[in-house]
Amino acid sequence: MLLVTTWFGSFLVDEGKVVQSRPFPKDAEAIAARLAVVEDWKVLDEERELMRGLDEVFVLEPRLERAGGNMLREAPPFLRPEDFGYDRDLLHGAMLALARRRMRKAVGPDDHVAQAVSALDDLGETSNQLLERLREWYGLHYPELAKTVDSEEFLALVAEHGDRGSMPEAAAESVGAPLSPEDRQAVMALAALARDVSRQRRRLEAHLESQMHALAPNLAHLAGPVLGARLIELAGGLEPLARLPASTVQLLGAERALFRHLREGTRPPKHGVLFQHPLVRRAPRWQRGPIARAFAGKLTMAARADAYTKRFIADALKEAVEKSVAEVRRTHATPPPRRREPRRKPGRRR
């Protein structure tokens, strides 16, 4: 007996004739569900029913060989769906339903993390722009306020009081110009908006931290939640990041500088977004490259553990990073002699 599975059912065929059949329901979603099971390299219930009780079954797919079938290397027999009451419109609907299933399955938690860190950058940029504009605008009325309080208190005071005369601190000797009622309302509304954006950014950052600790605990512990999310976003996902070599992880975010080096002969970049980590950012200029290289190697191991083994190894990796950094600081205690900048290759004029 030869077991054959098509898009409309599973069949036992003997000498070109169908002996037993288990047709699929004539519903596009039900057919798509069975095709998704086949794509996942699993055995259908209909196939198990047909194979049950048979001493020997020949199959044409390696997927069914694991279920007890004997593999044959030959072309499958052609079975017309119309002979079993199925038409091409049903096949079209099943393919559309299967495509929708694939699209839903393609979106994972790392995609949401990538969008969250991009939104965090957008909110930070917007918050800085609003704060800068408000300081400049409100400085026409009360320029001394921005120099005496921090940003959060500045936004709160302007949003709640507006006019300098109603501020908790005396501002009688301010050199600023008077503020009309219309301008006062506009400035207070802008301050309230900037304060809401700043609060939303903090809430989004807290959400990102919780998501990263659930998705990639090793990466979040070693690099920090925000930097780990940036690495995932730049690599295109957690598994793509885990498949990258350490040398590529080291330069994520420095693609422009790398291509400029390849095209014009400038100095190669030593790090990308890893510069945001204190280990790299606070190191002397001549130590940043070796530290970023050692750090990238351990980040790659952390990403692979998060993507595949699901074991928490961040403590051991962090200890190894600290030893590598100490060794770099010992061997590169003094800056090397400055080298002459290589001449740039002549570029094409546009």
Protein backbone atom coordinates (compact mmCIF):
# COMPACT_ATOMS: atom_id res chain seq x y z
CA MET A 1 0.00 0.00 0.00
CA LEU A 2 1.16 3.50 -0.85
CA LEU A 3 0.12 6.38 1.39
CA VAL A 4 -0.41 9.63 -0.53
CA THR A 5 -1.44 12.97 0.98
CA THR A 6 -2.71 15.82 -1.21
CA TRP A 7 -4.27 19.17 -0.38
CA PHE A 8 -7.74 17.62 -0.22
CA GLY A 9 -7.09 14.38 1.71
CA SER A 10 -5.00 11.31 2.49
CA PHE A 11 -5.32 8.13 0.44
CA LEU A 12 -4.09 4.55 0.35
CA VAL A 13 -3.27 3.61 -3.22
CA ASP A 14 -2.67 0.08 -4.54
CA GLU A 15 -1.61 -0.37 -8.17
CA GLY A 16 -2.90 3.09 -9.11
CA LYS A 17 -6.34 2.65 -7.48
CA VAL A 18 -7.55 4.30 -4.29
CA VAL A 19 -8.31 1.61 -1.72
CA GLN A 20 -9.08 3.80 1.30
CA SER A 21 -9.46 7.54 1.68
CA ARG A 22 -9.71 10.14 4.40
CA PRO A 23 -10.81 13.32 2.62
CA PHE A 24 -10.40 16.64 4.39
CA PRO A 25 -13.45 18.74 5.33
CA LYS A 26 -14.65 20.99 2.53
CA ASP A 27 -13.72 24.11 4.44
CA ALA A 28 -10.86 26.44 3.57
CA GLU A 29 -9.78 27.01 7.19
CA ALA A 30 -9.84 23.29 7.99
CA ILE A 31 -7.74 22.47 4.93
CA ALA A 32 -5.31 25.29 5.80
CA ALA A 33 -4.96 23.90 9.32
CA ARG A 34 -3.99 20.49 7.96
CA LEU A 35 -1.55 21.96 5.47
CA ALA A 36 0.05 23.92 8.32
CA VAL A 37 0.54 20.65 10.22
CA VAL A 38 2.24 19.15 7.17
CA GLU A 39 4.50 22.24 6.91
CA ASP A 40 5.52 21.71 10.54
CA TRP A 41 6.76 18.24 9.57
CA LYS A 42 4.08 16.46 11.62
CA VAL A 43 1.76 13.55 10.86
CA LEU A 44 -1.95 14.14 10.28
CA ASP A 45 -4.65 12.26 12.16
CA GLU A 46 -6.01 11.05 8.81
CA GLU A 47 -2.62 9.58 7.95
CA ARG A 48 -2.36 7.79 11.29
CA GLU A 49 -5.80 6.26 10.77
CA LEU A 50 -4.86 4.90 7.37
CA MET A 51 -1.54 3.49 8.62
CA ARG A 52 -3.09 1.85 11.68
CA GLY A 53 -3.35 -1.91 11.34
CA LEU A 54 -1.20 -2.22 8.21
CA ASP A 55 1.94 -4.32 8.32
CA GLU A 56 3.72 -2.40 5.60
CA VAL A 57 3.06 1.07 4.18
CA PHE A 58 5.12 2.83 1.54
CA VAL A 59 5.40 6.62 1.67
CA LEU A 60 6.81 9.33 -0.58
CA GLU A 61 7.67 11.90 2.09
CA PRO A 62 10.45 11.76 4.71
CA ARG A 63 7.92 13.27 7.10
CA LEU A 64 5.93 10.01 7.08
CA GLU A 65 9.00 7.80 7.27
CA ARG A 66 9.36 8.65 10.96
CA ALA A 67 5.79 7.42 11.51
CA GLY A 68 6.69 3.92 10.32
CA GLY A 69 6.44 4.20 6.54
CA ASN A 70 8.91 2.78 4.06
CA MET A 71 10.38 5.47 1.84
CA LEU A 72 10.04 5.19 -1.94
CA ARG A 73 11.83 7.35 -4.50
CA GLU A 74 9.22 7.72 -7.21
CA ALA A 75 6.72 10.23 -8.49
CA PRO A 76 3.40 10.28 -6.62
CA PRO A 77 0.28 9.19 -8.50
CA PHE A 78 -1.93 11.97 -9.77
CA LEU A 79 -5.30 12.25 -8.03
CA ARG A 80 -7.83 14.66 -9.49
CA PRO A 81 -9.62 16.71 -6.80
CA GLU A 82 -12.74 16.88 -8.97
CA ASP A 83 -13.14 13.11 -8.65
CA PHE A 84 -13.61 13.55 -4.91
CA GLY A 85 -15.89 16.60 -5.03
CA TYR A 86 -13.28 19.37 -4.57
CA ASP A 87 -12.85 22.38 -6.86
CA ARG A 88 -10.15 24.96 -7.47
CA ASP A 89 -12.03 27.72 -5.66
CA LEU A 90 -11.70 25.75 -2.43
CA LEU A 91 -7.97 25.38 -3.06
CA HIS A 92 -7.69 29.14 -3.61
CA GLY A 93 -9.47 29.85 -0.32
CA ALA A 94 -7.29 27.34 1.53
CA MET A 95 -4.11 28.93 0.18
CA LEU A 96 -5.29 32.37 1.31
CA ALA A 97 -6.09 31.02 4.78
CA LEU A 98 -2.68 29.32 4.93
CA ALA A 99 -0.96 32.57 3.94
CA ARG A 100 -2.76 34.39 6.74
CA ARG A 101 -1.57 31.72 9.18
CA ARG A 102 2.01 32.14 7.98
CA MET A 103 1.85 35.91 8.41
CA ARG A 104 0.53 35.59 11.95
CA LYS A 105 3.21 33.05 12.77
CA ALA A 106 5.96 35.23 11.31
CA VAL A 107 5.37 37.93 13.93
CA GLY A 108 7.06 37.10 17.21
CA PRO A 109 7.90 38.80 20.50
CA ASP A 110 11.20 40.08 19.12
CA ASP A 111 9.29 42.06 16.47
CA HIS A 112 7.36 43.84 19.22
CA VAL A 113 10.61 44.49 21.07
CA ALA A 114 12.13 46.04 17.93
CA GLN A 115 9.10 48.29 17.47
CA ALA A 116 9.17 49.27 21.15
CA VAL A 117 12.82 50.36 21.07
CA SER A 118 12.19 52.35 17.87
CA ALA A 119 9.20 54.01 19.51
CA LEU A 120 11.38 54.75 22.53
CA ASP A 121 13.85 56.57 20.28
CA ASP A 122 11.02 58.53 18.64
CA LEU A 123 9.58 59.56 22.00
CA GLY A 124 13.01 60.60 23.26
CA GLU A 125 13.63 62.76 20.21
CA THR A 126 10.16 64.31 20.43
CA SER A 127 10.55 64.95 24.16
CA ASN A 128 13.90 66.70 23.66
CA GLN A 129 12.52 68.86 20.84
CA LEU A 130 9.47 69.90 22.87
CA LEU A 131 11.58 70.67 25.93
CA GLU A 132 14.05 72.75 23.92
CA ARG A 133 11.25 74.69 22.25
CA LEU A 134 9.50 75.28 25.58
CA ARG A 135 12.67 76.53 27.23
CA GLU A 136 13.25 78.97 24.42
CA TRP A 137 9.64 80.14 24.33
CA TYR A 138 9.11 80.38 28.08
CA GLY A 139 12.54 81.97 28.43
CA LEU A 140 11.09 85.09 26.86
CA HIS A 141 8.88 85.42 29.93
CA TYR A 142 10.93 83.82 32.74
CA PRO A 143 14.47 82.92 31.59
CA GLU A 144 15.78 82.29 35.10
CA LEU A 145 13.53 79.27 35.77
CA ALA A 146 15.27 76.80 33.45
CA LYS A 147 18.61 77.46 35.19
CA THR A 148 17.35 76.75 38.70
CA VAL A 149 15.32 73.52 38.29
CA ASP A 150 15.72 70.26 36.39
CA SER A 151 13.76 69.36 33.27
CA GLU A 152 10.93 67.44 34.98
CA GLU A 153 10.29 70.17 37.54
CA PHE A 154 10.49 72.80 34.80
CA LEU A 155 7.75 71.09 32.82
CA ALA A 156 5.59 70.60 35.91
CA LEU A 157 5.87 74.25 37.00
CA VAL A 158 5.09 75.65 33.57
CA ALA A 159 2.19 73.21 32.98
CA GLU A 160 0.58 73.97 36.36
CA HIS A 161 1.29 77.67 36.84
CA GLY A 162 2.25 79.27 33.55
CA ASP A 163 2.75 82.88 34.61
CA ARG A 164 5.85 83.61 36.67
CA GLY A 165 3.79 85.56 39.17
CA SER A 166 2.03 82.39 40.30
CA MET A 167 5.20 80.35 40.65
CA PRO A 168 6.08 79.00 44.13
CA GLU A 169 9.38 80.88 44.03
CA ALA A 170 9.45 84.66 43.78
CA ALA A 171 10.23 85.99 40.30
CA ALA A 172 9.68 89.71 40.77
CA GLU A 173 13.14 90.64 39.52
CA SER A 174 13.02 88.57 36.35
CA VAL A 175 14.20 90.26 33.16
CA GLY A 176 11.56 88.46 31.07
CA ALA A 177 8.73 90.16 29.22
CA PRO A 178 5.09 89.91 30.31
CA LEU A 179 3.00 86.98 29.05
CA SER A 180 -0.44 87.54 27.55
CA PRO A 181 -3.32 85.25 28.60
CA GLU A 182 -3.41 83.63 25.16
CA ASP A 183 0.33 82.93 25.18
CA ARG A 184 0.08 81.67 28.74
CA GLN A 185 -2.52 79.07 27.75
CA ALA A 186 -0.48 77.98 24.74
CA VAL A 187 2.70 77.62 26.79
CA MET A 188 0.92 75.66 29.51
CA ALA A 189 -0.59 73.31 26.92
CA LEU A 190 2.81 72.75 25.33
CA ALA A 191 4.36 72.03 28.72
CA ALA A 192 1.59 69.54 29.53
CA LEU A 193 2.18 67.79 26.21
CA ALA A 194 5.94 67.60 26.80
CA ARG A 195 5.33 66.22 30.29
CA ASP A 196 2.95 63.54 28.93
CA VAL A 197 5.48 62.52 26.28
CA SER A 198 8.19 62.22 28.93
CA ARG A 199 5.93 60.10 31.15
CA GLN A 200 4.95 57.86 28.26
CA ARG A 201 8.61 57.35 27.42
CA ARG A 202 9.31 56.17 30.96
CA ARG A 203 6.33 53.81 30.85
CA LEU A 204 7.46 52.42 27.50
CA GLU A 205 10.99 51.93 28.82
CA ALA A 206 9.64 49.96 31.79
CA HIS A 207 7.52 47.85 29.43
CA LEU A 208 10.56 47.22 27.22
CA GLU A 209 12.61 46.10 30.21
CA SER A 210 9.97 43.58 31.28
CA GLN A 211 9.64 42.25 27.72
CA MET A 212 13.40 41.87 27.32
CA HIS A 213 13.77 40.00 30.61
CA ALA A 214 11.11 37.57 29.39
CA LEU A 215 12.39 37.23 25.80
CA ALA A 216 16.18 37.44 26.21
CA PRO A 217 17.17 37.37 29.90
CA ASN A 218 20.86 36.71 29.20
CA LEU A 219 21.13 39.55 26.71
CA ALA A 220 19.17 41.92 28.95
CA HIS A 221 21.32 41.10 31.98
CA LEU A 222 24.60 41.42 30.12
CA ALA A 223 23.97 44.41 27.85
CA GLY A 224 21.00 46.05 29.54
CA PRO A 225 17.40 45.84 28.30
CA VAL A 226 17.50 48.87 26.00
CA LEU A 227 20.85 48.08 24.37
CA GLY A 228 19.86 44.42 24.00
CA ALA A 229 16.65 45.48 22.28
CA ARG A 230 18.63 47.72 19.92
CA LEU A 231 20.84 44.79 18.96
CA ILE A 232 17.76 42.66 18.26
CA GLU A 233 16.23 45.46 16.18
CA LEU A 234 19.40 45.98 14.14
CA ALA A 235 19.88 42.25 13.52
CA GLY A 236 16.25 41.70 12.50
CA GLY A 237 15.28 39.43 15.39
CA LEU A 238 16.67 37.33 18.23
CA GLU A 239 17.52 34.27 16.13
CA PRO A 240 19.18 36.35 13.37
CA LEU A 241 21.24 38.02 16.10
CA ALA A 242 22.21 34.62 17.52
CA ARG A 243 23.41 33.49 14.07
CA LEU A 244 25.70 36.50 13.58
CA PRO A 245 29.43 36.20 14.27
CA ALA A 246 30.85 38.31 17.07
CA SER A 247 32.70 40.57 14.62
CA THR A 248 29.38 41.57 13.04
CA VAL A 249 27.70 42.12 16.41
CA GLN A 250 30.57 44.42 17.34
CA LEU A 251 29.82 46.69 14.34
CA LEU A 252 26.02 46.68 14.43
CA GLY A 253 24.94 50.29 14.03
CA ALA A 254 28.21 51.35 12.34
CA GLU A 255 27.32 50.24 8.82
CA ARG A 256 27.87 53.68 7.29
CA ALA A 257 31.35 53.99 8.76
CA LEU A 258 32.19 50.44 7.62
CA PHE A 259 31.11 51.11 4.03
CA ARG A 260 32.95 54.43 4.10
CA HIS A 261 36.08 52.53 5.13
CA LEU A 262 35.62 50.03 2.30
CA ARG A 263 34.84 52.70 -0.28
CA GLU A 264 37.18 55.55 0.68
CA GLY A 265 39.87 53.89 2.77
CA THR A 266 39.10 55.67 6.03
CA ARG A 267 39.82 54.08 9.39
CA PRO A 268 37.56 51.09 10.13
CA PRO A 269 34.99 51.47 12.91
CA LYS A 270 35.71 49.79 16.23
CA HIS A 271 32.17 49.61 17.57
CA GLY A 272 28.58 50.46 16.73
CA VAL A 273 25.76 50.75 19.24
CA LEU A 274 27.97 48.95 21.78
CA PHE A 275 29.37 52.42 22.45
CA GLN A 276 26.20 53.08 24.46
CA HIS A 277 27.32 50.58 27.11
CA PRO A 278 29.36 52.11 29.96
CA LEU A 279 32.16 49.57 29.53
CA VAL A 280 32.88 50.91 26.06
CA ARG A 281 31.76 54.53 26.43
CA ARG A 282 33.80 55.24 29.58
CA ALA A 283 36.94 53.49 28.37
CA PRO A 284 39.84 55.49 26.91
CA ARG A 285 39.79 55.87 23.15
CA TRP A 286 42.53 53.30 22.50
CA GLN A 287 40.85 50.64 24.68
CA ARG A 288 37.37 50.83 23.16
CA GLY A 289 38.11 48.53 20.23
CA PRO A 290 39.48 45.57 22.25
CA ILE A 291 36.76 45.99 24.90
CA ALA A 292 34.01 46.09 22.27
CA ARG A 293 35.48 42.98 20.63
CA ALA A 294 35.50 41.01 23.88
CA PHE A 295 32.06 42.30 24.84
CA ALA A 296 30.57 41.36 21.44
CA GLY A 297 31.81 37.79 21.79
CA LYS A 298 29.99 37.33 25.09
CA LEU A 299 26.85 39.05 23.75
CA THR A 300 26.77 36.55 20.91
CA MET A 301 26.90 33.68 23.40
CA ALA A 302 24.11 35.29 25.42
CA ALA A 303 21.90 35.68 22.34
CA ARG A 304 22.46 32.05 21.34
CA ALA A 305 21.54 30.87 24.83
CA ASP A 306 18.35 32.95 24.73
CA ALA A 307 17.41 31.77 21.25
CA TYR A 308 18.20 28.06 21.52
CA THR A 309 19.12 26.56 24.89
CA LYS A 310 17.03 28.90 27.12
CA ARG A 311 19.63 28.54 29.89
CA PHE A 312 20.60 31.50 32.05
CA ILE A 313 24.37 31.93 31.72
CA ALA A 314 24.61 35.71 32.04
CA ASP A 315 26.39 35.65 35.41
CA ALA A 316 29.27 33.57 34.04
CA LEU A 317 29.39 35.68 30.88
CA LYS A 318 29.46 38.90 32.90
CA GLU A 319 32.34 37.60 34.99
CA ALA A 320 34.21 36.66 31.82
CA VAL A 321 33.60 40.14 30.38
CA GLU A 322 34.98 41.77 33.51
CA LYS A 323 38.13 39.62 33.30
CA SER A 324 38.58 40.50 29.62
CA VAL A 325 38.14 44.20 30.33
CA ALA A 326 40.66 44.03 33.17
CA GLU A 327 43.13 42.32 30.84
CA VAL A 328 42.58 44.99 28.15
CA ARG A 329 43.15 47.76 30.68
CA ARG A 330 46.36 46.08 31.82
CA THR A 331 47.81 45.41 28.37
CA HIS A 332 46.65 48.72 26.86
CA ALA A 333 47.39 50.98 29.79
CA THR A 334 49.09 53.60 27.64
CA PRO A 335 47.93 54.92 24.26
CA PRO A 336 49.77 53.57 21.21
CA PRO A 337 51.79 55.95 19.03
CA ARG A 338 49.59 57.83 16.62
CA ARG A 339 49.59 56.53 13.09
CA ARG A 340 49.23 58.66 10.02
CA GLU A 341 45.75 58.75 8.58
CA PRO A 342 45.66 56.74 5.31
CA ARG A 343 44.94 58.69 2.22
CA ARG A 344 41.38 58.44 1.06
CA LYS A 345 40.62 56.86 -2.24
CA PRO A 346 39.38 59.40 -4.75
CA GLY A 347 35.61 59.18 -4.89
CA ARG A 348 33.45 59.65 -7.92
CA ARG A 349 31.95 63.06 -8.24
CA ARG A 350 28.23 63.24 -8.60
